[in-house]
Amino acid sequence: QVQLVESGGGLVQSGGSLRLSCAASGIIFSSYAVGWYRQAPGKQRELVAALNTGGSTNYADSVKGRFTISRDNAKNTVYLQMNSLKPEDTAVYYCNLEHYSGTRWGQGIQVTVSS
């Protein structure tokens, strides 16, 4: 049974930092490309950051230089380090795992940045 468990969200002041984690089980984690998406109220879900199995990254322009995606295949975990947070970063964040056999989504975790 595949499970993705996200943690690390919460409330932080503008300029602060948070680190999101997404721990996977029931899959061969190292064979998946990983990513983080977010969805703010009234907006479409958008890509925040992605990391493929070869180590290449892709970031939304709005988070470049502030967010860093990483993975630990030994722990079956993908991380999103978020620094210099802004109120516009407030959203539900979802981890995403991509494989030719299908896509997996986490349950979502709230990040709220107060001004």
Protein backbone atom coordinates (compact mmCIF):
# COMPACT_ATOMS: atom_id res chain seq x y z
CA GLN A 1 0.00 0.00 0.00
CA VAL A 2 1.42 3.35 -1.08
CA GLN A 3 1.49 6.09 1.52
CA LEU A 4 2.79 9.64 1.38
CA VAL A 5 2.91 11.46 4.70
CA GLU A 6 3.64 15.17 4.75
CA SER A 7 4.84 17.13 7.75
CA GLY A 8 6.44 20.43 8.68
CA GLY A 9 3.73 22.92 7.77
CA GLY A 10 2.27 25.54 10.04
CA LEU A 11 2.11 29.25 10.76
CA VAL A 12 5.18 31.43 10.34
CA GLN A 13 5.84 35.14 10.17
CA SER A 14 6.88 36.84 6.97
CA GLY A 15 10.62 36.35 6.46
CA GLY A 16 10.66 33.09 8.37
CA SER A 17 11.48 29.55 7.29
CA LEU A 18 9.83 26.17 7.22
CA ARG A 19 10.91 22.76 5.99
CA LEU A 20 8.31 20.44 4.55
CA SER A 21 8.89 16.70 4.46
CA CYS A 22 7.10 13.98 2.55
CA ALA A 23 7.84 10.41 3.57
CA ALA A 24 6.87 7.67 1.15
CA SER A 25 6.28 3.99 1.71
CA GLY A 26 5.17 1.12 -0.46
CA ILE A 27 7.09 2.25 -3.56
CA ILE A 28 10.61 2.16 -4.95
CA PHE A 29 11.14 5.80 -4.07
CA SER A 30 14.41 6.27 -5.95
CA SER A 31 12.70 5.55 -9.27
CA TYR A 32 10.27 8.45 -8.89
CA ALA A 33 10.68 12.07 -9.88
CA VAL A 34 9.51 14.21 -6.96
CA GLY A 35 7.95 17.61 -6.62
CA TRP A 36 5.96 20.03 -4.53
CA TYR A 37 2.83 21.82 -5.66
CA ARG A 38 0.68 24.35 -3.87
CA GLN A 39 -2.86 25.60 -4.05
CA ALA A 40 -4.01 28.88 -2.58
CA PRO A 41 -7.71 29.61 -1.97
CA GLY A 42 -9.47 30.40 -5.23
CA LYS A 43 -6.41 29.54 -7.32
CA GLN A 44 -5.28 26.59 -9.38
CA ARG A 45 -2.72 24.16 -8.10
CA GLU A 46 0.73 25.19 -9.29
CA LEU A 47 4.16 23.63 -9.44
CA VAL A 48 6.53 24.97 -6.81
CA ALA A 49 9.60 22.79 -7.32
CA ALA A 50 10.54 19.51 -8.98
CA LEU A 51 13.52 17.18 -8.81
CA ASN A 52 13.99 14.32 -11.23
CA THR A 53 15.85 11.08 -10.68
CA GLY A 54 18.93 12.51 -12.37
CA GLY A 55 19.16 15.40 -9.95
CA SER A 56 17.86 18.18 -12.17
CA THR A 57 15.64 20.76 -10.51
CA ASN A 58 12.93 23.12 -11.69
CA TYR A 59 11.45 25.97 -9.67
CA ALA A 60 8.58 28.37 -10.09
CA ASP A 61 9.91 31.87 -10.74
CA SER A 62 8.17 33.11 -7.61
CA VAL A 63 10.25 30.85 -5.33
CA LYS A 64 13.64 30.80 -7.07
CA GLY A 65 16.41 31.67 -4.65
CA ARG A 66 14.16 31.11 -1.62
CA PHE A 67 13.04 27.47 -1.82
CA THR A 68 15.15 24.34 -2.21
CA ILE A 69 13.90 20.88 -3.04
CA SER A 70 15.93 17.84 -2.05
CA ARG A 71 15.53 14.12 -1.54
CA ASP A 72 16.97 11.40 0.64
CA ASN A 73 16.48 8.08 -1.10
CA ALA A 74 17.72 6.18 1.96
CA LYS A 75 14.84 7.67 3.95
CA ASN A 76 12.30 7.65 1.10
CA THR A 77 11.73 11.33 1.78
CA VAL A 78 11.51 14.54 -0.24
CA TYR A 79 12.02 17.92 1.38
CA LEU A 80 11.16 21.50 0.59
CA GLN A 81 13.22 24.08 2.46
CA MET A 82 11.38 27.38 2.35
CA ASN A 83 13.23 30.54 3.38
CA SER A 84 12.28 34.21 3.28
CA LEU A 85 8.63 33.27 3.29
CA LYS A 86 6.07 35.79 2.09
CA PRO A 87 2.33 36.06 2.74
CA GLU A 88 1.75 35.09 -0.90
CA ASP A 89 3.35 31.71 -0.16
CA THR A 90 0.31 30.86 1.95
CA ALA A 91 -1.29 27.74 0.49
CA VAL A 92 -1.84 24.04 0.90
CA TYR A 93 1.31 22.28 -0.23
CA TYR A 94 1.22 18.84 -1.83
CA CYS A 95 4.07 16.46 -2.50
CA ASN A 96 3.99 14.72 -5.83
CA LEU A 97 5.75 11.61 -7.07
CA GLU A 98 5.89 10.88 -10.78
CA HIS A 99 6.64 7.53 -12.40
CA TYR A 100 5.76 5.93 -15.72
CA SER A 101 3.39 3.68 -13.75
CA GLY A 102 1.47 6.61 -12.32
CA THR A 103 1.37 9.71 -10.15
CA ARG A 104 1.11 9.83 -6.36
CA TRP A 105 -0.06 12.77 -4.28
CA GLY A 106 0.28 13.57 -0.62
CA GLN A 107 -2.71 14.63 1.42
CA GLY A 108 -1.65 18.26 1.52
CA ILE A 109 -0.33 20.39 4.35
CA GLN A 110 -1.18 23.97 5.24
CA VAL A 111 1.46 26.68 5.20
CA THR A 112 0.36 30.09 6.44
CA VAL A 113 2.64 33.13 6.34
CA SER A 114 1.51 36.11 8.37
CA SER A 115 2.51 39.67 7.46
